[in-house]
């Protein structure tokens, strides 16, 4: 693998890590309703799963396994977007932050979708 491709791979690893961190910070700020607690747990799981599966995809031995892991990344990014839309937000500041996270989850979905298409 060339040095440029290698650095791009790790940039996406860093990007997914940062997304997970921002999601965790966002969830800490949400009001403590039963719905937000449960939805927040799901959001944390799905956001963390994006990066974890991407790291696993980079370590796969076959193209088929790589493609499956990237599809899981795409699925988890879509799921993160869903949970972000579902949480109850009580302030404009959190609404703005939530919209930024939705935008990032959408961009990650598109990136992984593009990777799936290019791998075919």
PDB file of N, CA and C in Angstrom:
ATOM      1  N   UNK A   1       0.846  -1.184   0.000  1.00  0.00           N
ATOM      2  CA  UNK A   1       0.000   0.000   0.000  1.00  0.00           C
ATOM      3  C   UNK A   1       0.882   1.234   0.000  1.00  0.00           C
ATOM      4  N   UNK A   2       0.525   2.225  -0.791  1.00  0.00           N
ATOM      5  CA  UNK A   2       1.349   3.423  -0.862  1.00  0.00           C
ATOM      6  C   UNK A   2       1.204   4.260   0.402  1.00  0.00           C
ATOM      7  N   UNK A   3       2.133   5.145   0.616  1.00  0.00           N
ATOM      8  CA  UNK A   3       2.134   5.983   1.809  1.00  0.00           C
ATOM      9  C   UNK A   3       0.908   6.895   1.840  1.00  0.00           C
ATOM     10  N   UNK A   4       0.481   7.393   0.689  1.00  0.00           N
ATOM     11  CA  UNK A   4      -0.688   8.281   0.625  1.00  0.00           C
ATOM     12  C   UNK A   4      -1.946   7.513   1.029  1.00  0.00           C
ATOM     13  N   UNK A   5      -2.143   6.318   0.492  1.00  0.00           N
ATOM     14  CA  UNK A   5      -3.318   5.520   0.856  1.00  0.00           C
ATOM     15  C   UNK A   5      -3.283   5.190   2.343  1.00  0.00           C
ATOM     16  N   UNK A   6      -2.109   4.877   2.857  1.00  0.00           N
ATOM     17  CA  UNK A   6      -1.964   4.540   4.262  1.00  0.00           C
ATOM     18  C   UNK A   6      -2.365   5.724   5.142  1.00  0.00           C
ATOM     19  N   UNK A   7      -1.947   6.953   4.806  1.00  0.00           N
ATOM     20  CA  UNK A   7      -2.292   8.118   5.625  1.00  0.00           C
ATOM     21  C   UNK A   7      -3.783   8.423   5.538  1.00  0.00           C
ATOM     22  N   UNK A   8      -4.401   8.193   4.372  1.00  0.00           N
ATOM     23  CA  UNK A   8      -5.836   8.407   4.248  1.00  0.00           C
ATOM     24  C   UNK A   8      -6.603   7.444   5.146  1.00  0.00           C
ATOM     25  N   UNK A   9      -6.151   6.204   5.210  1.00  0.00           N
ATOM     26  CA  UNK A   9      -6.804   5.215   6.051  1.00  0.00           C
ATOM     27  C   UNK A   9      -6.808   5.695   7.498  1.00  0.00           C
ATOM     28  N   UNK A  10      -5.671   6.149   7.971  1.00  0.00           N
ATOM     29  CA  UNK A  10      -5.584   6.580   9.360  1.00  0.00           C
ATOM     30  C   UNK A  10      -6.318   7.893   9.587  1.00  0.00           C
ATOM     31  N   UNK A  11      -6.428   8.745   8.590  1.00  0.00           N
ATOM     32  CA  UNK A  11      -7.230   9.949   8.738  1.00  0.00           C
ATOM     33  C   UNK A  11      -8.682   9.581   9.019  1.00  0.00           C
ATOM     34  N   UNK A  12      -9.200   8.567   8.338  1.00  0.00           N
ATOM     35  CA  UNK A  12     -10.574   8.134   8.564  1.00  0.00           C
ATOM     36  C   UNK A  12     -10.699   7.455   9.928  1.00  0.00           C
ATOM     37  N   UNK A  13      -9.671   6.760  10.357  1.00  0.00           N
ATOM     38  CA  UNK A  13      -9.682   6.200  11.707  1.00  0.00           C
ATOM     39  C   UNK A  13      -9.776   7.321  12.733  1.00  0.00           C
ATOM     40  N   UNK A  14      -8.988   8.380  12.541  1.00  0.00           N
ATOM     41  CA  UNK A  14      -9.026   9.526  13.453  1.00  0.00           C
ATOM     42  C   UNK A  14     -10.388  10.219  13.399  1.00  0.00           C
ATOM     43  N   UNK A  15     -10.927  10.341  12.210  1.00  0.00           N
ATOM     44  CA  UNK A  15     -12.215  11.015  12.040  1.00  0.00           C
ATOM     45  C   UNK A  15     -13.333  10.246  12.750  1.00  0.00           C
ATOM     46  N   UNK A  16     -13.327   8.931  12.639  1.00  0.00           N
ATOM     47  CA  UNK A  16     -14.361   8.143  13.313  1.00  0.00           C
ATOM     48  C   UNK A  16     -14.170   8.189  14.833  1.00  0.00           C
ATOM     49  N   UNK A  17     -12.924   8.230  15.279  1.00  0.00           N
ATOM     50  CA  UNK A  17     -12.649   8.353  16.707  1.00  0.00           C
ATOM     51  C   UNK A  17     -13.174   9.691  17.239  1.00  0.00           C
ATOM     52  N   UNK A  18     -12.881  10.759  16.522  1.00  0.00           N
ATOM     53  CA  UNK A  18     -13.354  12.081  16.932  1.00  0.00           C
ATOM     54  C   UNK A  18     -14.881  12.157  16.939  1.00  0.00           C
ATOM     55  N   UNK A  19     -15.513  11.535  15.958  1.00  0.00           N
ATOM     56  CA  UNK A  19     -16.970  11.496  15.927  1.00  0.00           C
ATOM     57  C   UNK A  19     -17.498  10.820  17.191  1.00  0.00           C
ATOM     58  N   UNK A  20     -16.917   9.691  17.555  1.00  0.00           N
ATOM     59  CA  UNK A  20     -17.342   8.979  18.764  1.00  0.00           C
ATOM     60  C   UNK A  20     -17.144   9.831  20.009  1.00  0.00           C
ATOM     61  N   UNK A  21     -16.034  10.523  20.078  1.00  0.00           N
ATOM     62  CA  UNK A  21     -15.778  11.396  21.237  1.00  0.00           C
ATOM     63  C   UNK A  21     -16.799  12.520  21.317  1.00  0.00           C
ATOM     64  N   UNK A  22     -17.087  13.146  20.181  1.00  0.00           N
ATOM     65  CA  UNK A  22     -18.063  14.238  20.166  1.00  0.00           C
ATOM     66  C   UNK A  22     -19.456  13.741  20.542  1.00  0.00           C
ATOM     67  N   UNK A  23     -19.791  12.552  20.099  1.00  0.00           N
ATOM     68  CA  UNK A  23     -21.090  11.967  20.455  1.00  0.00           C
ATOM     69  C   UNK A  23     -21.160  11.770  21.966  1.00  0.00           C
ATOM     70  N   UNK A  24     -20.100  11.267  22.571  1.00  0.00           N
ATOM     71  CA  UNK A  24     -20.107  11.052  24.011  1.00  0.00           C
ATOM     72  C   UNK A  24     -20.249  12.364  24.778  1.00  0.00           C
ATOM     73  N   UNK A  25     -19.569  13.402  24.318  1.00  0.00           N
ATOM     74  CA  UNK A  25     -19.702  14.718  24.947  1.00  0.00           C
ATOM     75  C   UNK A  25     -21.137  15.230  24.814  1.00  0.00           C
ATOM     76  N   UNK A  26     -21.722  15.027  23.648  1.00  0.00           N
ATOM     77  CA  UNK A  26     -23.098  15.451  23.388  1.00  0.00           C
ATOM     78  C   UNK A  26     -24.080  14.718  24.306  1.00  0.00           C
ATOM     79  N   UNK A  27     -23.922  13.414  24.440  1.00  0.00           N
ATOM     80  CA  UNK A  27     -24.832  12.615  25.268  1.00  0.00           C
ATOM     81  C   UNK A  27     -24.753  13.060  26.728  1.00  0.00           C
ATOM     82  N   UNK A  28     -23.561  13.412  27.198  1.00  0.00           N
ATOM     83  CA  UNK A  28     -23.415  13.885  28.584  1.00  0.00           C
ATOM     84  C   UNK A  28     -24.233  15.145  28.846  1.00  0.00           C
ATOM     85  N   UNK A  29     -24.453  15.953  27.821  1.00  0.00           N
ATOM     86  CA  UNK A  29     -25.175  17.221  27.970  1.00  0.00           C
ATOM     87  C   UNK A  29     -26.694  17.076  27.880  1.00  0.00           C
ATOM     88  N   UNK A  30     -27.177  15.934  27.423  1.00  0.00           N
ATOM     89  CA  UNK A  30     -28.619  15.746  27.257  1.00  0.00           C
ATOM     90  C   UNK A  30     -29.327  15.689  28.610  1.00  0.00           C
ATOM     91  N   UNK A  31     -30.597  16.095  28.609  1.00  0.00           N
ATOM     92  CA  UNK A  31     -31.387  15.987  29.836  1.00  0.00           C
ATOM     93  C   UNK A  31     -31.574  14.514  30.181  1.00  0.00           C
ATOM     94  N   UNK A  32     -31.678  14.210  31.446  1.00  0.00           N
ATOM     95  CA  UNK A  32     -31.728  12.832  31.925  1.00  0.00           C
ATOM     96  C   UNK A  32     -33.158  12.292  31.962  1.00  0.00           C
ATOM     97  N   UNK A  33     -33.772  12.183  30.798  1.00  0.00           N
ATOM     98  CA  UNK A  33     -35.068  11.520  30.720  1.00  0.00           C
ATOM     99  C   UNK A  33     -34.836  10.047  30.441  1.00  0.00           C
ATOM    100  N   UNK A  34     -35.827   9.236  30.714  1.00  0.00           N
ATOM    101  CA  UNK A  34     -35.698   7.799  30.454  1.00  0.00           C
ATOM    102  C   UNK A  34     -35.384   7.559  28.975  1.00  0.00           C
ATOM    103  N   UNK A  35     -36.093   8.277  28.102  1.00  0.00           N
ATOM    104  CA  UNK A  35     -35.881   8.107  26.661  1.00  0.00           C
ATOM    105  C   UNK A  35     -34.458   8.490  26.262  1.00  0.00           C
ATOM    106  N   UNK A  36     -33.969   9.621  26.752  1.00  0.00           N
ATOM    107  CA  UNK A  36     -32.622  10.062  26.392  1.00  0.00           C
ATOM    108  C   UNK A  36     -31.549   9.122  26.929  1.00  0.00           C
ATOM    109  N   UNK A  37     -31.776   8.563  28.099  1.00  0.00           N
ATOM    110  CA  UNK A  37     -30.792   7.628  28.647  1.00  0.00           C
ATOM    111  C   UNK A  37     -30.694   6.395  27.752  1.00  0.00           C
ATOM    112  N   UNK A  38     -31.833   5.833  27.391  1.00  0.00           N
ATOM    113  CA  UNK A  38     -31.831   4.641  26.539  1.00  0.00           C
ATOM    114  C   UNK A  38     -31.337   4.950  25.127  1.00  0.00           C
ATOM    115  N   UNK A  39     -31.825   6.045  24.547  1.00  0.00           N
ATOM    116  CA  UNK A  39     -31.389   6.418  23.195  1.00  0.00           C
ATOM    117  C   UNK A  39     -29.906   6.792  23.193  1.00  0.00           C
ATOM    118  N   UNK A  40     -29.450   7.429  24.260  1.00  0.00           N
ATOM    119  CA  UNK A  40     -28.039   7.794  24.377  1.00  0.00           C
ATOM    120  C   UNK A  40     -27.136   6.576  24.412  1.00  0.00           C
ATOM    121  N   UNK A  41     -27.578   5.535  25.122  1.00  0.00           N
ATOM    122  CA  UNK A  41     -26.802   4.290  25.154  1.00  0.00           C
ATOM    123  C   UNK A  41     -26.660   3.711  23.749  1.00  0.00           C
ATOM    124  N   UNK A  42     -27.756   3.684  23.017  1.00  0.00           N
ATOM    125  CA  UNK A  42     -27.722   3.158  21.650  1.00  0.00           C
ATOM    126  C   UNK A  42     -26.832   4.023  20.758  1.00  0.00           C
ATOM    127  N   UNK A  43     -26.920   5.329  20.921  1.00  0.00           N
ATOM    128  CA  UNK A  43     -26.114   6.260  20.130  1.00  0.00           C
ATOM    129  C   UNK A  43     -24.627   6.059  20.403  1.00  0.00           C
ATOM    130  N   UNK A  44     -24.272   5.904  21.656  1.00  0.00           N
ATOM    131  CA  UNK A  44     -22.870   5.676  22.013  1.00  0.00           C
ATOM    132  C   UNK A  44     -22.367   4.378  21.393  1.00  0.00           C
ATOM    133  N   UNK A  45     -23.184   3.322  21.470  1.00  0.00           N
ATOM    134  CA  UNK A  45     -22.770   2.040  20.891  1.00  0.00           C
ATOM    135  C   UNK A  45     -22.566   2.137  19.386  1.00  0.00           C
ATOM    136  N   UNK A  46     -23.536   2.720  18.692  1.00  0.00           N
ATOM    137  CA  UNK A  46     -23.439   2.767  17.225  1.00  0.00           C
ATOM    138  C   UNK A  46     -22.305   3.675  16.765  1.00  0.00           C
ATOM    139  N   UNK A  47     -22.109   4.804  17.442  1.00  0.00           N
ATOM    140  CA  UNK A  47     -21.034   5.718  17.026  1.00  0.00           C
ATOM    141  C   UNK A  47     -19.658   5.095  17.243  1.00  0.00           C
ATOM    142  N   UNK A  48     -19.483   4.372  18.334  1.00  0.00           N
ATOM    143  CA  UNK A  48     -18.206   3.705  18.595  1.00  0.00           C
ATOM    144  C   UNK A  48     -17.952   2.545  17.656  1.00  0.00           C
ATOM    145  N   UNK A  49     -19.019   1.907  17.230  1.00  0.00           N
ATOM    146  CA  UNK A  49     -18.905   0.756  16.342  1.00  0.00           C
ATOM    147  C   UNK A  49     -18.384   1.140  14.957  1.00  0.00           C
ATOM    148  N   UNK A  50     -18.623   2.365  14.548  1.00  0.00           N
ATOM    149  CA  UNK A  50     -18.151   2.815  13.231  1.00  0.00           C
ATOM    150  C   UNK A  50     -16.636   2.688  13.154  1.00  0.00           C
ATOM    151  N   UNK A  51     -15.949   3.311  14.090  1.00  0.00           N
ATOM    152  CA  UNK A  51     -14.491   3.289  14.092  1.00  0.00           C
ATOM    153  C   UNK A  51     -13.914   1.916  14.359  1.00  0.00           C
ATOM    154  N   UNK A  52     -14.541   1.176  15.267  1.00  0.00           N
ATOM    155  CA  UNK A  52     -14.045  -0.163  15.585  1.00  0.00           C
ATOM    156  C   UNK A  52     -14.108  -1.072  14.361  1.00  0.00           C
ATOM    157  N   UNK A  53     -15.205  -1.003  13.632  1.00  0.00           N
ATOM    158  CA  UNK A  53     -15.327  -1.839  12.441  1.00  0.00           C
ATOM    159  C   UNK A  53     -14.409  -1.366  11.326  1.00  0.00           C
ATOM    160  N   UNK A  54     -14.160  -0.061  11.251  1.00  0.00           N
ATOM    161  CA  UNK A  54     -13.238   0.441  10.236  1.00  0.00           C
ATOM    162  C   UNK A  54     -11.817  -0.064  10.512  1.00  0.00           C
ATOM    163  N   UNK A  55     -11.424  -0.063  11.774  1.00  0.00           N
ATOM    164  CA  UNK A  55     -10.105  -0.592  12.133  1.00  0.00           C
ATOM    165  C   UNK A  55     -10.023  -2.071  11.759  1.00  0.00           C
ATOM    166  N   UNK A  56     -11.080  -2.821  12.048  1.00  0.00           N
ATOM    167  CA  UNK A  56     -11.096  -4.235  11.678  1.00  0.00           C
ATOM    168  C   UNK A  56     -11.046  -4.412  10.161  1.00  0.00           C
ATOM    169  N   UNK A  57     -11.718  -3.541   9.430  1.00  0.00           N
ATOM    170  CA  UNK A  57     -11.710  -3.626   7.965  1.00  0.00           C
ATOM    171  C   UNK A  57     -10.293  -3.464   7.432  1.00  0.00           C
ATOM    172  N   UNK A  58      -9.523  -2.593   8.049  1.00  0.00           N
ATOM    173  CA  UNK A  58      -8.150  -2.366   7.601  1.00  0.00           C
ATOM    174  C   UNK A  58      -7.229  -3.538   7.903  1.00  0.00           C
ATOM    175  N   UNK A  59      -7.661  -4.430   8.764  1.00  0.00           N
ATOM    176  CA  UNK A  59      -6.833  -5.577   9.137  1.00  0.00           C
ATOM    177  C   UNK A  59      -7.321  -6.884   8.500  1.00  0.00           C
ATOM    178  N   UNK A  60      -8.307  -6.812   7.635  1.00  0.00           N
ATOM    179  CA  UNK A  60      -8.867  -8.031   7.051  1.00  0.00           C
ATOM    180  C   UNK A  60      -7.889  -8.682   6.077  1.00  0.00           C
ATOM    181  N   UNK A  61      -8.128  -9.967   5.864  1.00  0.00           N
ATOM    182  CA  UNK A  61      -7.274 -10.733   4.965  1.00  0.00           C
ATOM    183  C   UNK A  61      -7.895 -10.908   3.581  1.00  0.00           C
ATOM    184  N   UNK A  62      -9.182 -10.672   3.463  1.00  0.00           N
ATOM    185  CA  UNK A  62      -9.828 -10.868   2.169  1.00  0.00           C
ATOM    186  C   UNK A  62     -10.670  -9.650   1.795  1.00  0.00           C
ATOM    187  N   UNK A  63     -10.885  -9.494   0.511  1.00  0.00           N
ATOM    188  CA  UNK A  63     -11.701  -8.396   0.014  1.00  0.00           C
ATOM    189  C   UNK A  63     -13.141  -8.542   0.494  1.00  0.00           C
ATOM    190  N   UNK A  64     -13.611  -9.782   0.559  1.00  0.00           N
ATOM    191  CA  UNK A  64     -14.988 -10.047   0.994  1.00  0.00           C
ATOM    192  C   UNK A  64     -15.181  -9.597   2.444  1.00  0.00           C
ATOM    193  N   UNK A  65     -14.228  -9.919   3.307  1.00  0.00           N
ATOM    194  CA  UNK A  65     -14.311  -9.511   4.709  1.00  0.00           C
ATOM    195  C   UNK A  65     -14.216  -7.993   4.833  1.00  0.00           C
ATOM    196  N   UNK A  66     -13.321  -7.374   4.053  1.00  0.00           N
ATOM    197  CA  UNK A  66     -13.195  -5.920   4.048  1.00  0.00           C
ATOM    198  C   UNK A  66     -14.531  -5.278   3.692  1.00  0.00           C
ATOM    199  N   UNK A  67     -15.146  -5.761   2.629  1.00  0.00           N
ATOM    200  CA  UNK A  67     -16.413  -5.209   2.160  1.00  0.00           C
ATOM    201  C   UNK A  67     -17.505  -5.364   3.219  1.00  0.00           C
ATOM    202  N   UNK A  68     -17.543  -6.499   3.889  1.00  0.00           N
ATOM    203  CA  UNK A  68     -18.542  -6.713   4.936  1.00  0.00           C
ATOM    204  C   UNK A  68     -18.350  -5.714   6.083  1.00  0.00           C
ATOM    205  N   UNK A  69     -17.103  -5.503   6.493  1.00  0.00           N
ATOM    206  CA  UNK A  69     -16.828  -4.561   7.593  1.00  0.00           C
ATOM    207  C   UNK A  69     -17.181  -3.126   7.206  1.00  0.00           C
ATOM    208  N   UNK A  70     -16.886  -2.748   5.969  1.00  0.00           N
ATOM    209  CA  UNK A  70     -17.213  -1.400   5.515  1.00  0.00           C
ATOM    210  C   UNK A  70     -18.735  -1.218   5.466  1.00  0.00           C
ATOM    211  N   UNK A  71     -19.452  -2.256   5.063  1.00  0.00           N
ATOM    212  CA  UNK A  71     -20.914  -2.190   5.065  1.00  0.00           C
ATOM    213  C   UNK A  71     -21.445  -2.029   6.488  1.00  0.00           C
ATOM    214  N   UNK A  72     -20.788  -2.683   7.443  1.00  0.00           N
ATOM    215  CA  UNK A  72     -21.186  -2.519   8.843  1.00  0.00           C
ATOM    216  C   UNK A  72     -20.923  -1.081   9.292  1.00  0.00           C
ATOM    217  N   UNK A  73     -19.797  -0.512   8.882  1.00  0.00           N
ATOM    218  CA  UNK A  73     -19.498   0.890   9.199  1.00  0.00           C
ATOM    219  C   UNK A  73     -20.599   1.795   8.676  1.00  0.00           C
ATOM    220  N   UNK A  74     -21.001   1.569   7.434  1.00  0.00           N
ATOM    221  CA  UNK A  74     -22.061   2.370   6.825  1.00  0.00           C
ATOM    222  C   UNK A  74     -23.365   2.210   7.605  1.00  0.00           C
ATOM    223  N   UNK A  75     -23.692   0.986   7.963  1.00  0.00           N
ATOM    224  CA  UNK A  75     -24.916   0.701   8.715  1.00  0.00           C
ATOM    225  C   UNK A  75     -24.891   1.401  10.076  1.00  0.00           C
ATOM    226  N   UNK A  76     -23.772   1.355  10.763  1.00  0.00           N
ATOM    227  CA  UNK A  76     -23.660   1.980  12.083  1.00  0.00           C
ATOM    228  C   UNK A  76     -23.707   3.507  11.987  1.00  0.00           C
ATOM    229  N   UNK A  77     -23.164   4.076  10.910  1.00  0.00           N
ATOM    230  CA  UNK A  77     -23.249   5.521  10.713  1.00  0.00           C
ATOM    231  C   UNK A  77     -24.704   5.939  10.491  1.00  0.00           C
ATOM    232  N   UNK A  78     -25.438   5.153   9.702  1.00  0.00           N
ATOM    233  CA  UNK A  78     -26.864   5.430   9.498  1.00  0.00           C
ATOM    234  C   UNK A  78     -27.623   5.316  10.812  1.00  0.00           C
ATOM    235  N   UNK A  79     -27.290   4.296  11.591  1.00  0.00           N
ATOM    236  CA  UNK A  79     -27.960   4.097  12.875  1.00  0.00           C
ATOM    237  C   UNK A  79     -27.655   5.253  13.831  1.00  0.00           C
ATOM    238  N   UNK A  80     -26.427   5.742  13.828  1.00  0.00           N
ATOM    239  CA  UNK A  80     -26.070   6.888  14.666  1.00  0.00           C
ATOM    240  C   UNK A  80     -26.906   8.100  14.298  1.00  0.00           C
ATOM    241  N   UNK A  81     -27.087   8.294  13.019  1.00  0.00           N
ATOM    242  CA  UNK A  81     -27.909   9.399  12.526  1.00  0.00           C
ATOM    243  C   UNK A  81     -29.347   9.258  13.058  1.00  0.00           C
ATOM    244  N   UNK A  82     -29.859   8.055  13.023  1.00  0.00           N
ATOM    245  CA  UNK A  82     -31.212   7.772  13.518  1.00  0.00           C
ATOM    246  C   UNK A  82     -31.337   8.142  14.997  1.00  0.00           C
ATOM    247  N   UNK A  83     -30.391   7.663  15.824  1.00  0.00           N
ATOM    248  CA  UNK A  83     -30.463   7.939  17.257  1.00  0.00           C
ATOM    249  C   UNK A  83     -30.281   9.423  17.539  1.00  0.00           C
ATOM    250  N   UNK A  84     -29.436  10.095  16.765  1.00  0.00           N
ATOM    251  CA  UNK A  84     -29.272  11.545  16.943  1.00  0.00           C
ATOM    252  C   UNK A  84     -30.568  12.287  16.658  1.00  0.00           C
ATOM    253  N   UNK A  85     -31.315  11.832  15.674  1.00  0.00           N
ATOM    254  CA  UNK A  85     -32.596  12.468  15.359  1.00  0.00           C
ATOM    255  C   UNK A  85     -33.650  12.166  16.419  1.00  0.00           C
ATOM    256  N   UNK A  86     -33.487  11.062  17.120  1.00  0.00           N
ATOM    257  CA  UNK A  86     -34.497  10.613  18.068  1.00  0.00           C
ATOM    258  C   UNK A  86     -34.364  11.247  19.455  1.00  0.00           C
ATOM    259  N   UNK A  87     -33.160  11.605  19.878  1.00  0.00           N
ATOM    260  CA  UNK A  87     -32.988  12.139  21.230  1.00  0.00           C
ATOM    261  C   UNK A  87     -33.754  13.448  21.394  1.00  0.00           C
ATOM    262  N   UNK A  88     -34.213  13.669  22.624  1.00  0.00           N
ATOM    263  CA  UNK A  88     -34.954  14.885  22.944  1.00  0.00           C
ATOM    264  C   UNK A  88     -33.965  15.988  23.290  1.00  0.00           C
ATOM    265  N   UNK A  89     -34.033  17.080  22.539  1.00  0.00           N
ATOM    266  CA  UNK A  89     -33.104  18.193  22.740  1.00  0.00           C
ATOM    267  C   UNK A  89     -33.899  19.396  23.250  1.00  0.00           C
ATOM    268  N   UNK A  90     -33.423  19.952  24.373  1.00  0.00           N
ATOM    269  CA  UNK A  90     -34.171  21.025  25.024  1.00  0.00           C
ATOM    270  C   UNK A  90     -33.556  22.410  24.851  1.00  0.00           C
ATOM    271  N   UNK A  91     -32.460  22.543  24.136  1.00  0.00           N
ATOM    272  CA  UNK A  91     -31.858  23.869  23.969  1.00  0.00           C
ATOM    273  C   UNK A  91     -31.355  24.052  22.548  1.00  0.00           C
ATOM    274  N   UNK A  92     -31.272  25.287  22.132  1.00  0.00           N
ATOM    275  CA  UNK A  92     -30.776  25.614  20.784  1.00  0.00           C
ATOM    276  C   UNK A  92     -29.319  25.202  20.622  1.00  0.00           C
ATOM    277  N   UNK A  93     -28.535  25.379  21.676  1.00  0.00           N
ATOM    278  CA  UNK A  93     -27.122  25.015  21.616  1.00  0.00           C
ATOM    279  C   UNK A  93     -26.970  23.525  21.319  1.00  0.00           C
ATOM    280  N   UNK A  94     -27.730  22.711  22.027  1.00  0.00           N
ATOM    281  CA  UNK A  94     -27.665  21.268  21.787  1.00  0.00           C
ATOM    282  C   UNK A  94     -28.234  20.908  20.424  1.00  0.00           C
ATOM    283  N   UNK A  95     -29.231  21.644  19.980  1.00  0.00           N
ATOM    284  CA  UNK A  95     -29.809  21.379  18.658  1.00  0.00           C
ATOM    285  C   UNK A  95     -28.757  21.626  17.571  1.00  0.00           C
ATOM    286  N   UNK A  96     -28.006  22.719  17.701  1.00  0.00           N
ATOM    287  CA  UNK A  96     -26.945  23.024  16.747  1.00  0.00           C
ATOM    288  C   UNK A  96     -25.863  21.946  16.776  1.00  0.00           C
ATOM    289  N   UNK A  97     -25.474  21.554  17.973  1.00  0.00           N
ATOM    290  CA  UNK A  97     -24.455  20.506  18.121  1.00  0.00           C
ATOM    291  C   UNK A  97     -24.963  19.179  17.542  1.00  0.00           C
ATOM    292  N   UNK A  98     -26.213  18.855  17.814  1.00  0.00           N
ATOM    293  CA  UNK A  98     -26.814  17.633  17.285  1.00  0.00           C
ATOM    294  C   UNK A  98     -26.860  17.636  15.767  1.00  0.00           C
ATOM    295  N   UNK A  99     -27.198  18.786  15.183  1.00  0.00           N
ATOM    296  CA  UNK A  99     -27.239  18.887  13.717  1.00  0.00           C
ATOM    297  C   UNK A  99     -25.861  18.696  13.097  1.00  0.00           C
ATOM    298  N   UNK A 100     -24.822  19.199  13.764  1.00  0.00           N
ATOM    299  CA  UNK A 100     -23.449  18.989  13.275  1.00  0.00           C
ATOM    300  C   UNK A 100     -23.082  17.507  13.316  1.00  0.00           C
ATOM    301  N   UNK A 101     -23.502  16.837  14.373  1.00  0.00           N
ATOM    302  CA  UNK A 101     -23.226  15.404  14.481  1.00  0.00           C
ATOM    303  C   UNK A 101     -24.009  14.614  13.434  1.00  0.00           C
ATOM    304  N   UNK A 102     -25.234  15.023  13.177  1.00  0.00           N
ATOM    305  CA  UNK A 102     -26.024  14.374  12.121  1.00  0.00           C
ATOM    306  C   UNK A 102     -25.338  14.556  10.779  1.00  0.00           C
ATOM    307  N   UNK A 103     -24.820  15.764  10.533  1.00  0.00           N
ATOM    308  CA  UNK A 103     -24.116  16.030   9.286  1.00  0.00           C
ATOM    309  C   UNK A 103     -22.875  15.137   9.162  1.00  0.00           C
ATOM    310  N   UNK A 104     -22.132  14.989  10.244  1.00  0.00           N
ATOM    311  CA  UNK A 104     -20.931  14.143  10.213  1.00  0.00           C
ATOM    312  C   UNK A 104     -21.308  12.681  10.001  1.00  0.00           C
ATOM    313  N   UNK A 105     -22.363  12.216  10.667  1.00  0.00           N
ATOM    314  CA  UNK A 105     -22.808  10.835  10.481  1.00  0.00           C
ATOM    315  C   UNK A 105     -23.244  10.602   9.039  1.00  0.00           C
ATOM    316  N   UNK A 106     -23.898  11.581   8.457  1.00  0.00           N
ATOM    317  CA  UNK A 106     -24.322  11.489   7.055  1.00  0.00           C
ATOM    318  C   UNK A 106     -23.116  11.435   6.126  1.00  0.00           C
ATOM    319  N   UNK A 107     -22.116  12.271   6.397  1.00  0.00           N
ATOM    320  CA  UNK A 107     -20.898  12.263   5.579  1.00  0.00           C
ATOM    321  C   UNK A 107     -20.172  10.928   5.697  1.00  0.00           C
ATOM    322  N   UNK A 108     -20.103  10.379   6.902  1.00  0.00           N
ATOM    323  CA  UNK A 108     -19.461   9.074   7.082  1.00  0.00           C
ATOM    324  C   UNK A 108     -20.231   7.992   6.328  1.00  0.00           C
ATOM    325  N   UNK A 109     -21.560   8.070   6.358  1.00  0.00           N
ATOM    326  CA  UNK A 109     -22.382   7.116   5.605  1.00  0.00           C
ATOM    327  C   UNK A 109     -22.043   7.175   4.126  1.00  0.00           C
ATOM    328  N   UNK A 110     -21.908   8.387   3.606  1.00  0.00           N
ATOM    329  CA  UNK A 110     -21.581   8.556   2.185  1.00  0.00           C
ATOM    330  C   UNK A 110     -20.170   8.057   1.865  1.00  0.00           C
ATOM    331  N   UNK A 111     -19.231   8.312   2.747  1.00  0.00           N
ATOM    332  CA  UNK A 111     -17.853   7.849   2.535  1.00  0.00           C
ATOM    333  C   UNK A 111     -17.818   6.331   2.471  1.00  0.00           C
ATOM    334  N   UNK A 112     -18.459   5.679   3.447  1.00  0.00           N
ATOM    335  CA  UNK A 112     -18.448   4.217   3.466  1.00  0.00           C
ATOM    336  C   UNK A 112     -19.257   3.646   2.309  1.00  0.00           C
ATOM    337  N   UNK A 113     -20.324   4.324   1.925  1.00  0.00           N
ATOM    338  CA  UNK A 113     -21.094   3.900   0.758  1.00  0.00           C
ATOM    339  C   UNK A 113     -20.262   3.956  -0.512  1.00  0.00           C
ATOM    340  N   UNK A 114     -19.468   5.011  -0.634  1.00  0.00           N
ATOM    341  CA  UNK A 114     -18.576   5.152  -1.781  1.00  0.00           C
ATOM    342  C   UNK A 114     -17.522   4.048  -1.789  1.00  0.00           C
ATOM    343  N   UNK A 115     -17.019   3.709  -0.611  1.00  0.00           N
ATOM    344  CA  UNK A 115     -16.032   2.634  -0.527  1.00  0.00           C
ATOM    345  C   UNK A 115     -16.628   1.302  -0.956  1.00  0.00           C
ATOM    346  N   UNK A 116     -17.884   1.066  -0.594  1.00  0.00           N
ATOM    347  CA  UNK A 116     -18.562  -0.159  -0.988  1.00  0.00           C
ATOM    348  C   UNK A 116     -18.692  -0.207  -2.501  1.00  0.00           C
ATOM    349  N   UNK A 117     -19.103   0.895  -3.094  1.00  0.00           N
ATOM    350  CA  UNK A 117     -19.280   0.947  -4.547  1.00  0.00           C
ATOM    351  C   UNK A 117     -17.953   0.739  -5.290  1.00  0.00           C
ATOM    352  N   UNK A 118     -16.891   1.349  -4.781  1.00  0.00           N
ATOM    353  CA  UNK A 118     -15.589   1.220  -5.429  1.00  0.00           C
ATOM    354  C   UNK A 118     -14.987  -0.166  -5.255  1.00  0.00           C
ATOM    355  N   UNK A 119     -15.410  -0.888  -4.221  1.00  0.00           N
ATOM    356  CA  UNK A 119     -14.867  -2.228  -3.962  1.00  0.00           C
ATOM    357  C   UNK A 119     -15.515  -3.296  -4.816  1.00  0.00           C
ATOM    358  N   UNK A 120     -16.619  -2.967  -5.457  1.00  0.00           N
ATOM    359  CA  UNK A 120     -17.330  -3.979  -6.257  1.00  0.00           C
ATOM    360  C   UNK A 120     -16.627  -4.266  -7.555  1.00  0.00           C
TER     361      UNK A 120
END
